[in-house]
Protein backbone atom coordinates (compact mmCIF):
# COMPACT_ATOMS: atom_id res chain seq x y z
CA MET A 1 134.94 91.16 100.06
CA SER A 2 132.35 89.56 102.18
CA GLY A 3 129.60 91.85 103.78
CA LYS A 4 126.41 91.21 105.58
CA ILE A 5 123.44 90.30 103.66
CA ARG A 6 120.73 92.94 104.01
CA LYS A 7 117.47 91.99 105.11
CA LYS A 8 114.33 93.33 103.44
CA HIS A 9 111.47 93.81 105.95
CA SER A 10 107.84 94.09 105.14
CA ASP A 11 106.10 97.26 105.51
CA THR A 12 103.75 95.26 108.18
CA PHE A 13 106.87 94.33 110.13
CA LYS A 14 108.24 98.05 109.98
CA LEU A 15 104.93 99.27 111.15
CA LYS A 16 104.66 96.77 113.99
CA VAL A 17 108.24 97.60 115.30
CA ALA A 18 107.56 101.31 114.97
CA LEU A 19 104.50 101.07 116.92
CA ALA A 20 106.01 99.17 119.71
CA ALA A 21 108.61 101.79 119.91
CA LEU A 22 106.05 104.38 120.03
CA LYS A 23 104.08 102.59 122.91
CA GLY A 24 107.23 103.32 125.07
CA ASP A 25 106.76 100.28 127.53
CA ARG A 26 110.19 98.77 126.29
CA THR A 27 113.63 100.14 125.91
CA MET A 28 115.14 100.27 122.45
CA VAL A 29 117.51 97.59 123.58
CA GLU A 30 114.67 95.22 124.48
CA LEU A 31 112.94 95.85 121.17
CA SER A 32 116.15 95.50 119.47
CA GLN A 33 116.69 92.04 120.80
CA GLU A 34 113.03 91.01 120.40
CA PHE A 35 112.83 91.91 116.82
CA GLY A 36 116.45 91.09 115.65
CA ILE A 37 117.27 94.53 114.36
CA SER A 38 119.50 97.26 115.44
CA ALA A 39 118.20 100.05 117.80
CA ASN A 40 119.21 102.63 115.14
CA GLN A 41 116.99 101.03 112.59
CA ILE A 42 114.20 101.09 115.33
CA TYR A 43 114.70 104.68 116.03
CA TYR A 44 114.52 105.36 112.11
CA TRP A 45 111.34 103.63 111.62
CA LYS A 46 109.73 105.35 114.63
CA LYS A 47 110.91 108.77 113.50
CA LYS A 48 109.51 107.97 110.05
CA LEU A 49 106.23 106.83 111.34
CA GLU A 50 105.96 109.92 113.59
CA GLU A 51 106.82 112.54 110.66
CA GLU A 52 104.99 110.70 107.92
CA GLY A 53 102.08 108.70 109.84
CA GLY A 54 99.41 110.95 108.72
CA SER A 55 100.16 110.43 105.09
CA ILE A 56 98.93 106.79 105.30
CA PHE A 57 95.37 108.30 105.34
CA ALA A 58 96.00 110.91 102.84
CA ASP A 59 97.28 108.40 100.27
CA ARG A 60 94.05 106.48 100.65
CA ARG A 61 91.83 109.53 100.20
CA ARG A 62 93.98 110.44 97.27
CA ALA A 63 93.71 107.04 95.67
CA GLU A 64 89.84 106.94 96.26
CA ASN A 65 89.55 110.54 94.62
CA GLN A 66 91.50 109.32 91.65
CA LYS A 67 89.29 106.15 91.32
CA GLU A 68 86.15 108.32 91.41
CA GLU A 69 87.61 110.62 88.72
CA LEU A 70 88.61 107.75 86.57
CA SER A 71 85.11 106.39 86.77
CA LYS A 72 83.65 109.89 85.84
CA GLN A 73 85.91 109.88 82.91
CA SER A 74 85.09 106.51 81.70
CA LYS A 75 81.28 107.25 81.95
CA ASN A 76 81.70 110.38 80.02
CA PHE A 77 83.77 108.55 77.35
CA ARG A 78 81.19 105.81 76.88
CA PHE A 79 78.34 108.60 76.80
CA GLN A 80 80.37 110.42 73.91
CA GLN A 81 80.84 107.13 72.15
CA ASN A 82 77.13 106.47 72.04
CA GLU A 83 76.25 110.03 71.12
CA ASN A 84 78.79 109.96 68.32
CA PHE A 85 77.47 106.60 67.05
CA ARG A 86 73.76 107.90 67.35
CA PHE A 87 74.49 110.81 65.29
CA SER A 88 76.54 109.13 62.66
CA ASN A 89 73.80 106.82 61.79
């Protein structure tokens, strides 16, 4: 049983292809030939970008909020350790 080897494309490549498709100045066939992938794959990546594109920015904000929260928790923990040390002596 010999099948085609599936290629793994980077997120950057997928974004580049999806943006080219969204731009609309070339047909899917032209893009398919240019990037060496099927038109169906381009449609899928384009649709995914259209539907989930806003989450790119939401994830960044969520990560920044989580980082700030961890920083606050770390400061509180260090403060509590210092307080506990002071009162135990």
